[in-house]
């Protein structure tokens, strides 16, 4: 059993969830928060089963995760 930090975003047409600490792209989605969370957890298990535990980044030094808004000149 391993804990992941998972970001869940609410959009007008549903929810999108993705974990931190995994190399590559893993995304879950659903009509509700719970569906998106369940979907991303299933996707994480599948991704690790296919690619192995090497895809997990070492988060042992990460104590907190911050979500910020930042302006970027484009």
PDB file of N, CA and C in Angstrom:
ATOM      1  N   UNK A   1       0.850  -1.170   0.000  1.00  0.00           N
ATOM      2  CA  UNK A   1       0.000   0.000   0.000  1.00  0.00           C
ATOM      3  C   UNK A   1       0.897   1.234   0.000  1.00  0.00           C
ATOM      4  N   UNK A   2       0.618   2.182  -0.864  1.00  0.00           N
ATOM      5  CA  UNK A   2       1.381   3.426  -0.955  1.00  0.00           C
ATOM      6  C   UNK A   2       0.401   4.582  -1.083  1.00  0.00           C
ATOM      7  N   UNK A   3       0.711   5.664  -0.426  1.00  0.00           N
ATOM      8  CA  UNK A   3      -0.124   6.855  -0.536  1.00  0.00           C
ATOM      9  C   UNK A   3       0.414   7.755  -1.635  1.00  0.00           C
ATOM     10  N   UNK A   4      -0.493   8.352  -2.394  1.00  0.00           N
ATOM     11  CA  UNK A   4      -0.153   9.300  -3.442  1.00  0.00           C
ATOM     12  C   UNK A   4      -0.864  10.607  -3.165  1.00  0.00           C
ATOM     13  N   UNK A   5      -0.239  11.693  -3.557  1.00  0.00           N
ATOM     14  CA  UNK A   5      -0.920  12.983  -3.552  1.00  0.00           C
ATOM     15  C   UNK A   5      -1.668  13.065  -4.872  1.00  0.00           C
ATOM     16  N   UNK A   6      -2.955  13.320  -4.810  1.00  0.00           N
ATOM     17  CA  UNK A   6      -3.793  13.354  -6.013  1.00  0.00           C
ATOM     18  C   UNK A   6      -4.488  14.709  -6.091  1.00  0.00           C
ATOM     19  N   UNK A   7      -4.381  15.318  -7.245  1.00  0.00           N
ATOM     20  CA  UNK A   7      -5.050  16.592  -7.494  1.00  0.00           C
ATOM     21  C   UNK A   7      -6.361  16.287  -8.215  1.00  0.00           C
ATOM     22  N   UNK A   8      -7.443  16.852  -7.735  1.00  0.00           N
ATOM     23  CA  UNK A   8      -8.748  16.671  -8.371  1.00  0.00           C
ATOM     24  C   UNK A   8      -9.280  18.049  -8.736  1.00  0.00           C
ATOM     25  N   UNK A   9      -9.594  18.213 -10.009  1.00  0.00           N
ATOM     26  CA  UNK A   9     -10.105  19.493 -10.502  1.00  0.00           C
ATOM     27  C   UNK A   9     -11.575  19.339 -10.880  1.00  0.00           C
ATOM     28  N   UNK A  10     -12.370  20.330 -10.520  1.00  0.00           N
ATOM     29  CA  UNK A  10     -13.771  20.344 -10.914  1.00  0.00           C
ATOM     30  C   UNK A  10     -13.911  21.221 -12.154  1.00  0.00           C
ATOM     31  N   UNK A  11     -14.500  20.666 -13.193  1.00  0.00           N
ATOM     32  CA  UNK A  11     -14.742  21.373 -14.444  1.00  0.00           C
ATOM     33  C   UNK A  11     -16.249  21.416 -14.697  1.00  0.00           C
ATOM     34  N   UNK A  12     -16.711  22.258 -15.605  1.00  0.00           N
ATOM     35  CA  UNK A  12     -18.151  22.325 -15.876  1.00  0.00           C
ATOM     36  C   UNK A  12     -18.759  20.984 -16.300  1.00  0.00           C
ATOM     37  N   UNK A  13     -17.967  20.144 -16.942  1.00  0.00           N
ATOM     38  CA  UNK A  13     -18.507  18.871 -17.436  1.00  0.00           C
ATOM     39  C   UNK A  13     -18.055  17.659 -16.628  1.00  0.00           C
ATOM     40  N   UNK A  14     -17.482  17.864 -15.439  1.00  0.00           N
ATOM     41  CA  UNK A  14     -17.084  16.731 -14.603  1.00  0.00           C
ATOM     42  C   UNK A  14     -15.798  17.007 -13.839  1.00  0.00           C
ATOM     43  N   UNK A  15     -15.174  15.946 -13.375  1.00  0.00           N
ATOM     44  CA  UNK A  15     -13.973  16.042 -12.555  1.00  0.00           C
ATOM     45  C   UNK A  15     -12.811  15.335 -13.244  1.00  0.00           C
ATOM     46  N   UNK A  16     -11.608  15.865 -13.039  1.00  0.00           N
ATOM     47  CA  UNK A  16     -10.384  15.268 -13.560  1.00  0.00           C
ATOM     48  C   UNK A  16      -9.433  15.102 -12.381  1.00  0.00           C
ATOM     49  N   UNK A  17      -8.769  13.952 -12.311  1.00  0.00           N
ATOM     50  CA  UNK A  17      -7.845  13.684 -11.210  1.00  0.00           C
ATOM     51  C   UNK A  17      -6.528  13.167 -11.755  1.00  0.00           C
ATOM     52  N   UNK A  18      -5.441  13.609 -11.142  1.00  0.00           N
ATOM     53  CA  UNK A  18      -4.136  13.088 -11.534  1.00  0.00           C
ATOM     54  C   UNK A  18      -3.205  13.093 -10.325  1.00  0.00           C
ATOM     55  N   UNK A  19      -2.345  12.079 -10.250  1.00  0.00           N
ATOM     56  CA  UNK A  19      -1.449  11.954  -9.106  1.00  0.00           C
ATOM     57  C   UNK A  19      -0.141  12.690  -9.318  1.00  0.00           C
ATOM     58  N   UNK A  20       0.478  13.065  -8.227  1.00  0.00           N
ATOM     59  CA  UNK A  20       1.840  13.579  -8.235  1.00  0.00           C
ATOM     60  C   UNK A  20       2.767  12.417  -7.913  1.00  0.00           C
ATOM     61  N   UNK A  21       4.009  12.496  -8.366  1.00  0.00           N
ATOM     62  CA  UNK A  21       4.983  11.479  -7.996  1.00  0.00           C
ATOM     63  C   UNK A  21       5.047  10.278  -8.911  1.00  0.00           C
ATOM     64  N   UNK A  22       4.465  10.387 -10.106  1.00  0.00           N
ATOM     65  CA  UNK A  22       4.544   9.299 -11.075  1.00  0.00           C
ATOM     66  C   UNK A  22       5.110   9.866 -12.366  1.00  0.00           C
ATOM     67  N   UNK A  23       6.119   9.190 -12.905  1.00  0.00           N
ATOM     68  CA  UNK A  23       6.702   9.605 -14.177  1.00  0.00           C
ATOM     69  C   UNK A  23       5.731   9.211 -15.283  1.00  0.00           C
ATOM     70  N   UNK A  24       5.400  10.142 -16.144  1.00  0.00           N
ATOM     71  CA  UNK A  24       4.437   9.875 -17.201  1.00  0.00           C
ATOM     72  C   UNK A  24       3.103  10.520 -16.868  1.00  0.00           C
ATOM     73  N   UNK A  25       2.099  10.153 -17.627  1.00  0.00           N
ATOM     74  CA  UNK A  25       0.789  10.766 -17.465  1.00  0.00           C
ATOM     75  C   UNK A  25      -0.226   9.720 -17.018  1.00  0.00           C
ATOM     76  N   UNK A  26      -0.839   9.965 -15.896  1.00  0.00           N
ATOM     77  CA  UNK A  26      -1.907   9.121 -15.371  1.00  0.00           C
ATOM     78  C   UNK A  26      -3.059  10.052 -15.027  1.00  0.00           C
ATOM     79  N   UNK A  27      -4.232   9.801 -15.608  1.00  0.00           N
ATOM     80  CA  UNK A  27      -5.377  10.685 -15.398  1.00  0.00           C
ATOM     81  C   UNK A  27      -6.620   9.844 -15.138  1.00  0.00           C
ATOM     82  N   UNK A  28      -7.458  10.333 -14.259  1.00  0.00           N
ATOM     83  CA  UNK A  28      -8.763   9.730 -14.033  1.00  0.00           C
ATOM     84  C   UNK A  28      -9.816  10.803 -14.245  1.00  0.00           C
ATOM     85  N   UNK A  29     -11.038  10.374 -14.551  1.00  0.00           N
ATOM     86  CA  UNK A  29     -12.112  11.346 -14.732  1.00  0.00           C
ATOM     87  C   UNK A  29     -13.427  10.727 -14.306  1.00  0.00           C
ATOM     88  N   UNK A  30     -14.400  11.585 -14.058  1.00  0.00           N
ATOM     89  CA  UNK A  30     -15.710  11.112 -13.659  1.00  0.00           C
ATOM     90  C   UNK A  30     -16.694  12.251 -13.542  1.00  0.00           C
ATOM     91  N   UNK A  31     -17.940  11.894 -13.381  1.00  0.00           N
ATOM     92  CA  UNK A  31     -18.994  12.894 -13.218  1.00  0.00           C
ATOM     93  C   UNK A  31     -19.020  13.471 -11.805  1.00  0.00           C
ATOM     94  N   UNK A  32     -18.427  12.735 -10.860  1.00  0.00           N
ATOM     95  CA  UNK A  32     -18.378  13.189  -9.471  1.00  0.00           C
ATOM     96  C   UNK A  32     -16.937  13.114  -8.972  1.00  0.00           C
ATOM     97  N   UNK A  33     -16.690  13.756  -7.847  1.00  0.00           N
ATOM     98  CA  UNK A  33     -15.387  13.711  -7.177  1.00  0.00           C
ATOM     99  C   UNK A  33     -15.001  12.263  -6.900  1.00  0.00           C
ATOM    100  N   UNK A  34     -15.939  11.501  -6.354  1.00  0.00           N
ATOM    101  CA  UNK A  34     -15.675  10.110  -5.985  1.00  0.00           C
ATOM    102  C   UNK A  34     -15.351   9.253  -7.207  1.00  0.00           C
ATOM    103  N   UNK A  35     -16.070   9.466  -8.314  1.00  0.00           N
ATOM    104  CA  UNK A  35     -15.806   8.703  -9.538  1.00  0.00           C
ATOM    105  C   UNK A  35     -14.420   9.019 -10.082  1.00  0.00           C
ATOM    106  N   UNK A  36     -14.040  10.282 -10.075  1.00  0.00           N
ATOM    107  CA  UNK A  36     -12.719  10.661 -10.570  1.00  0.00           C
ATOM    108  C   UNK A  36     -11.622  10.066  -9.691  1.00  0.00           C
ATOM    109  N   UNK A  37     -11.815  10.080  -8.386  1.00  0.00           N
ATOM    110  CA  UNK A  37     -10.835   9.507  -7.470  1.00  0.00           C
ATOM    111  C   UNK A  37     -10.708   7.998  -7.683  1.00  0.00           C
ATOM    112  N   UNK A  38     -11.829   7.311  -7.786  1.00  0.00           N
ATOM    113  CA  UNK A  38     -11.791   5.865  -8.027  1.00  0.00           C
ATOM    114  C   UNK A  38     -11.126   5.551  -9.367  1.00  0.00           C
ATOM    115  N   UNK A  39     -11.401   6.363 -10.385  1.00  0.00           N
ATOM    116  CA  UNK A  39     -10.833   6.132 -11.712  1.00  0.00           C
ATOM    117  C   UNK A  39      -9.319   6.330 -11.714  1.00  0.00           C
ATOM    118  N   UNK A  40      -8.834   7.374 -11.054  1.00  0.00           N
ATOM    119  CA  UNK A  40      -7.391   7.613 -11.046  1.00  0.00           C
ATOM    120  C   UNK A  40      -6.676   6.553 -10.206  1.00  0.00           C
ATOM    121  N   UNK A  41      -7.288   6.077  -9.129  1.00  0.00           N
ATOM    122  CA  UNK A  41      -6.678   5.010  -8.340  1.00  0.00           C
ATOM    123  C   UNK A  41      -6.550   3.738  -9.172  1.00  0.00           C
ATOM    124  N   UNK A  42      -7.561   3.432  -9.951  1.00  0.00           N
ATOM    125  CA  UNK A  42      -7.507   2.278 -10.851  1.00  0.00           C
ATOM    126  C   UNK A  42      -6.418   2.479 -11.903  1.00  0.00           C
ATOM    127  N   UNK A  43      -6.314   3.693 -12.442  1.00  0.00           N
ATOM    128  CA  UNK A  43      -5.300   3.997 -13.457  1.00  0.00           C
ATOM    129  C   UNK A  43      -3.891   3.877 -12.877  1.00  0.00           C
ATOM    130  N   UNK A  44      -3.699   4.304 -11.641  1.00  0.00           N
ATOM    131  CA  UNK A  44      -2.386   4.186 -10.990  1.00  0.00           C
ATOM    132  C   UNK A  44      -1.998   2.717 -10.866  1.00  0.00           C
ATOM    133  N   UNK A  45      -2.927   1.888 -10.377  1.00  0.00           N
ATOM    134  CA  UNK A  45      -2.631   0.457 -10.229  1.00  0.00           C
ATOM    135  C   UNK A  45      -2.265  -0.171 -11.571  1.00  0.00           C
ATOM    136  N   UNK A  46      -3.016   0.155 -12.602  1.00  0.00           N
ATOM    137  CA  UNK A  46      -2.769  -0.391 -13.937  1.00  0.00           C
ATOM    138  C   UNK A  46      -1.414   0.075 -14.471  1.00  0.00           C
ATOM    139  N   UNK A  47      -1.121   1.340 -14.318  1.00  0.00           N
ATOM    140  CA  UNK A  47       0.118   1.922 -14.818  1.00  0.00           C
ATOM    141  C   UNK A  47       1.329   1.268 -14.156  1.00  0.00           C
ATOM    142  N   UNK A  48       1.260   1.070 -12.836  1.00  0.00           N
ATOM    143  CA  UNK A  48       2.355   0.432 -12.106  1.00  0.00           C
ATOM    144  C   UNK A  48       2.476  -1.032 -12.514  1.00  0.00           C
ATOM    145  N   UNK A  49       1.348  -1.707 -12.722  1.00  0.00           N
ATOM    146  CA  UNK A  49       1.369  -3.108 -13.154  1.00  0.00           C
ATOM    147  C   UNK A  49       2.063  -3.249 -14.514  1.00  0.00           C
ATOM    148  N   UNK A  50       1.800  -2.323 -15.414  1.00  0.00           N
ATOM    149  CA  UNK A  50       2.370  -2.388 -16.762  1.00  0.00           C
ATOM    150  C   UNK A  50       3.839  -1.956 -16.780  1.00  0.00           C
ATOM    151  N   UNK A  51       4.159  -0.835 -16.137  1.00  0.00           N
ATOM    152  CA  UNK A  51       5.495  -0.242 -16.257  1.00  0.00           C
ATOM    153  C   UNK A  51       6.408  -0.510 -15.061  1.00  0.00           C
ATOM    154  N   UNK A  52       5.884  -1.056 -13.998  1.00  0.00           N
ATOM    155  CA  UNK A  52       6.701  -1.362 -12.830  1.00  0.00           C
ATOM    156  C   UNK A  52       6.828  -0.190 -11.877  1.00  0.00           C
ATOM    157  N   UNK A  53       7.348  -0.487 -10.707  1.00  0.00           N
ATOM    158  CA  UNK A  53       7.446   0.538  -9.662  1.00  0.00           C
ATOM    159  C   UNK A  53       8.516   1.578  -9.952  1.00  0.00           C
ATOM    160  N   UNK A  54       9.316   1.364 -10.999  1.00  0.00           N
ATOM    161  CA  UNK A  54      10.336   2.343 -11.367  1.00  0.00           C
ATOM    162  C   UNK A  54       9.721   3.673 -11.804  1.00  0.00           C
ATOM    163  N   UNK A  55       8.450   3.659 -12.178  1.00  0.00           N
ATOM    164  CA  UNK A  55       7.806   4.893 -12.641  1.00  0.00           C
ATOM    165  C   UNK A  55       7.435   5.815 -11.481  1.00  0.00           C
ATOM    166  N   UNK A  56       7.537   5.308 -10.261  1.00  0.00           N
ATOM    167  CA  UNK A  56       7.221   6.142  -9.101  1.00  0.00           C
ATOM    168  C   UNK A  56       8.446   6.965  -8.732  1.00  0.00           C
ATOM    169  N   UNK A  57       8.262   8.261  -8.597  1.00  0.00           N
ATOM    170  CA  UNK A  57       9.349   9.141  -8.204  1.00  0.00           C
ATOM    171  C   UNK A  57       9.556   9.043  -6.708  1.00  0.00           C
ATOM    172  N   UNK A  58      10.767   9.274  -6.273  1.00  0.00           N
ATOM    173  CA  UNK A  58      11.075   9.245  -4.846  1.00  0.00           C
ATOM    174  C   UNK A  58      10.555  10.523  -4.203  1.00  0.00           C
ATOM    175  N   UNK A  59       9.490  10.399  -3.448  1.00  0.00           N
ATOM    176  CA  UNK A  59       8.896  11.567  -2.786  1.00  0.00           C
ATOM    177  C   UNK A  59       9.254  11.613  -1.310  1.00  0.00           C
ATOM    178  N   UNK A  60      10.262  10.840  -0.917  1.00  0.00           N
ATOM    179  CA  UNK A  60      10.582  10.785   0.502  1.00  0.00           C
ATOM    180  C   UNK A  60      10.998  12.140   1.065  1.00  0.00           C
ATOM    181  N   UNK A  61      11.514  13.018   0.205  1.00  0.00           N
ATOM    182  CA  UNK A  61      11.928  14.327   0.697  1.00  0.00           C
ATOM    183  C   UNK A  61      10.804  15.361   0.608  1.00  0.00           C
ATOM    184  N   UNK A  62       9.711  15.048  -0.085  1.00  0.00           N
ATOM    185  CA  UNK A  62       8.600  15.989  -0.214  1.00  0.00           C
ATOM    186  C   UNK A  62       7.699  15.884   1.015  1.00  0.00           C
ATOM    187  N   UNK A  63       7.641  16.957   1.764  1.00  0.00           N
ATOM    188  CA  UNK A  63       6.835  16.980   2.981  1.00  0.00           C
ATOM    189  C   UNK A  63       5.452  17.547   2.707  1.00  0.00           C
ATOM    190  N   UNK A  64       5.388  18.562   1.842  1.00  0.00           N
ATOM    191  CA  UNK A  64       4.130  19.216   1.526  1.00  0.00           C
ATOM    192  C   UNK A  64       4.035  19.452   0.030  1.00  0.00           C
ATOM    193  N   UNK A  65       2.826  19.629  -0.428  1.00  0.00           N
ATOM    194  CA  UNK A  65       2.568  19.986  -1.810  1.00  0.00           C
ATOM    195  C   UNK A  65       1.818  21.315  -1.801  1.00  0.00           C
ATOM    196  N   UNK A  66       2.228  22.252  -2.644  1.00  0.00           N
ATOM    197  CA  UNK A  66       1.597  23.560  -2.704  1.00  0.00           C
ATOM    198  C   UNK A  66       0.955  23.746  -4.071  1.00  0.00           C
ATOM    199  N   UNK A  67      -0.201  24.331  -4.090  1.00  0.00           N
ATOM    200  CA  UNK A  67      -0.883  24.675  -5.325  1.00  0.00           C
ATOM    201  C   UNK A  67      -0.917  26.193  -5.415  1.00  0.00           C
ATOM    202  N   UNK A  68      -0.317  26.735  -6.461  1.00  0.00           N
ATOM    203  CA  UNK A  68      -0.237  28.195  -6.597  1.00  0.00           C
ATOM    204  C   UNK A  68      -0.670  28.628  -7.994  1.00  0.00           C
ATOM    205  N   UNK A  69      -1.091  29.860  -8.088  1.00  0.00           N
ATOM    206  CA  UNK A  69      -1.354  30.483  -9.387  1.00  0.00           C
ATOM    207  C   UNK A  69      -0.177  31.401  -9.661  1.00  0.00           C
ATOM    208  N   UNK A  70       0.343  31.353 -10.878  1.00  0.00           N
ATOM    209  CA  UNK A  70       1.472  32.196 -11.232  1.00  0.00           C
ATOM    210  C   UNK A  70       1.273  32.726 -12.644  1.00  0.00           C
ATOM    211  N   UNK A  71       1.557  34.002 -12.834  1.00  0.00           N
ATOM    212  CA  UNK A  71       1.471  34.595 -14.172  1.00  0.00           C
ATOM    213  C   UNK A  71       2.719  34.237 -14.950  1.00  0.00           C
ATOM    214  N   UNK A  72       2.514  33.912 -16.215  1.00  0.00           N
ATOM    215  CA  UNK A  72       3.622  33.596 -17.106  1.00  0.00           C
ATOM    216  C   UNK A  72       3.423  34.418 -18.368  1.00  0.00           C
ATOM    217  N   UNK A  73       4.409  35.203 -18.734  1.00  0.00           N
ATOM    218  CA  UNK A  73       4.323  36.005 -19.941  1.00  0.00           C
ATOM    219  C   UNK A  73       4.458  35.091 -21.154  1.00  0.00           C
ATOM    220  N   UNK A  74       3.464  35.175 -22.069  1.00  0.00           N
ATOM    221  CA  UNK A  74       3.530  34.344 -23.276  1.00  0.00           C
ATOM    222  C   UNK A  74       3.329  35.200 -24.509  1.00  0.00           C
TER     223      UNK A  74
END
